[in-house]
Amino acid sequence: MKIAPVADVKARLSTYLKLCAEQPVVVTKNGRPTAVLIGVPDEEELERLILAYTPRFRAILDAAEGRIREGRGISHGEFWKTVAKKRRKMSPTGNQTRSRLSAQGHGVRS
């Protein structure tokens, strides 16, 4: 992990962008950590990072974890059955949804 003052990062941003592909860069302001530059290898990782720091999504995950701890969770199989039912209800033909789910390799893994 590299630590660098904001003035240095501003002056040599390209250098730090290359460096953050290898290791996080902690940016300091007045000697205190204020930000972290981290490399993003692909769009999926970017999406995960954004979701991880989205307060609304974080609240949904925290609530779900709480229900699981309280024993009110459901199994993967039951979850996907419910999803499939709701998709069939939303589809005008029903068949279209089932074929789309099959085409996506929809299934349950344990």
Protein backbone atom coordinates (compact mmCIF):
# COMPACT_ATOMS: atom_id res chain seq x y z
CA MET A 1 0.00 0.00 0.00
CA LYS A 2 1.31 3.40 -1.01
CA ILE A 3 0.55 6.59 0.92
CA ALA A 4 0.77 9.92 -0.88
CA PRO A 5 -0.21 13.52 -0.18
CA VAL A 6 -2.99 14.96 -2.34
CA ALA A 7 -0.64 17.57 -3.85
CA ASP A 8 1.67 14.82 -5.12
CA VAL A 9 -1.26 12.80 -6.47
CA LYS A 10 -2.58 15.87 -8.30
CA ALA A 11 0.83 16.57 -9.81
CA ARG A 12 1.46 12.96 -10.90
CA LEU A 13 -2.03 11.51 -11.34
CA SER A 14 -1.09 9.25 -14.27
CA THR A 15 1.68 7.67 -12.23
CA TYR A 16 -0.66 6.97 -9.32
CA LEU A 17 -3.35 5.58 -11.61
CA LYS A 18 -0.83 3.05 -12.92
CA LEU A 19 0.33 2.26 -9.39
CA CYS A 20 -3.19 1.69 -8.06
CA ALA A 21 -3.59 -1.18 -10.55
CA GLU A 22 -0.99 -3.01 -8.43
CA GLN A 23 -1.79 -1.76 -4.93
CA PRO A 24 -4.11 0.67 -3.15
CA VAL A 25 -2.94 4.26 -2.88
CA VAL A 26 -4.03 6.12 0.26
CA VAL A 27 -4.34 9.84 -0.44
CA THR A 28 -3.71 12.13 2.49
CA LYS A 29 -4.63 15.74 3.12
CA ASN A 30 -2.79 17.56 5.89
CA GLY A 31 -1.29 14.21 6.90
CA ARG A 32 -4.67 12.49 7.35
CA PRO A 33 -6.09 9.77 5.09
CA THR A 34 -8.88 11.19 2.97
CA ALA A 35 -9.31 8.83 0.01
CA VAL A 36 -8.09 5.60 -1.51
CA LEU A 37 -7.30 4.97 -5.15
CA ILE A 38 -7.87 1.36 -6.16
CA GLY A 39 -7.58 -0.25 -9.54
CA VAL A 40 -10.71 -1.56 -11.23
CA PRO A 41 -9.82 -4.45 -13.54
CA ASP A 42 -13.24 -4.74 -15.20
CA GLU A 43 -16.82 -3.44 -15.22
CA GLU A 44 -18.08 -6.22 -12.92
CA GLU A 45 -15.61 -5.21 -10.22
CA LEU A 46 -16.63 -1.56 -10.66
CA GLU A 47 -20.28 -2.54 -10.21
CA ARG A 48 -19.45 -4.52 -7.05
CA LEU A 49 -17.54 -1.58 -5.60
CA ILE A 50 -20.33 0.87 -6.34
CA LEU A 51 -22.96 -1.42 -4.84
CA ALA A 52 -20.85 -2.09 -1.76
CA TYR A 53 -20.78 1.63 -0.99
CA THR A 54 -24.38 2.46 -1.90
CA PRO A 55 -26.20 3.14 1.40
CA ARG A 56 -29.59 1.92 0.14
CA PHE A 57 -28.19 -1.37 -1.18
CA ARG A 58 -26.14 -1.83 2.00
CA ALA A 59 -29.32 -1.36 4.07
CA ILE A 60 -31.10 -4.05 2.00
CA LEU A 61 -28.21 -6.48 2.56
CA ASP A 62 -28.03 -5.71 6.28
CA ALA A 63 -31.78 -6.28 6.66
CA ALA A 64 -31.55 -9.59 4.78
CA GLU A 65 -28.63 -10.74 6.95
CA GLY A 66 -30.65 -9.85 10.04
CA ARG A 67 -33.61 -11.96 8.85
CA ILE A 68 -31.27 -14.89 8.15
CA ARG A 69 -29.75 -14.62 11.63
CA GLU A 70 -33.27 -14.64 13.10
CA GLY A 71 -34.05 -17.84 11.19
CA ARG A 72 -36.45 -16.14 8.80
CA GLY A 73 -34.40 -16.76 5.64
CA ILE A 74 -35.32 -19.06 2.76
CA SER A 75 -33.25 -21.63 0.86
CA HIS A 76 -31.76 -20.92 -2.57
CA GLY A 77 -34.20 -23.37 -4.13
CA GLU A 78 -37.21 -21.66 -2.57
CA PHE A 79 -35.89 -18.25 -3.59
CA TRP A 80 -35.55 -19.24 -7.25
CA LYS A 81 -38.98 -20.90 -7.26
CA THR A 82 -40.47 -17.63 -6.04
CA VAL A 83 -38.59 -15.64 -8.67
CA ALA A 84 -39.78 -17.99 -11.42
CA LYS A 85 -43.41 -17.72 -10.21
CA LYS A 86 -43.30 -13.93 -10.16
CA ARG A 87 -41.74 -13.82 -13.62
CA ARG A 88 -44.46 -16.08 -14.98
CA LYS A 89 -47.11 -13.79 -13.49
CA MET A 90 -45.46 -10.74 -15.06
CA SER A 91 -45.10 -12.33 -18.50
CA PRO A 92 -48.11 -11.94 -20.81
CA THR A 93 -47.79 -15.54 -22.09
CA GLY A 94 -46.06 -17.35 -19.26
CA ASN A 95 -44.26 -19.58 -21.79
CA GLN A 96 -41.98 -16.77 -22.84
CA THR A 97 -40.68 -16.40 -19.27
CA ARG A 98 -40.10 -20.12 -18.80
CA SER A 99 -38.13 -20.39 -22.03
CA ARG A 100 -36.11 -17.32 -21.15
CA LEU A 101 -35.25 -18.78 -17.74
CA SER A 102 -34.17 -22.04 -19.37
CA ALA A 103 -32.09 -20.18 -21.94
CA GLN A 104 -30.27 -18.37 -19.14
CA GLY A 105 -29.27 -21.67 -17.53
CA HIS A 106 -31.53 -20.87 -14.60
CA GLY A 107 -31.10 -23.38 -11.82
CA VAL A 108 -30.14 -23.93 -8.24
CA ARG A 109 -26.64 -24.68 -7.13
CA SER A 110 -25.79 -25.96 -3.69
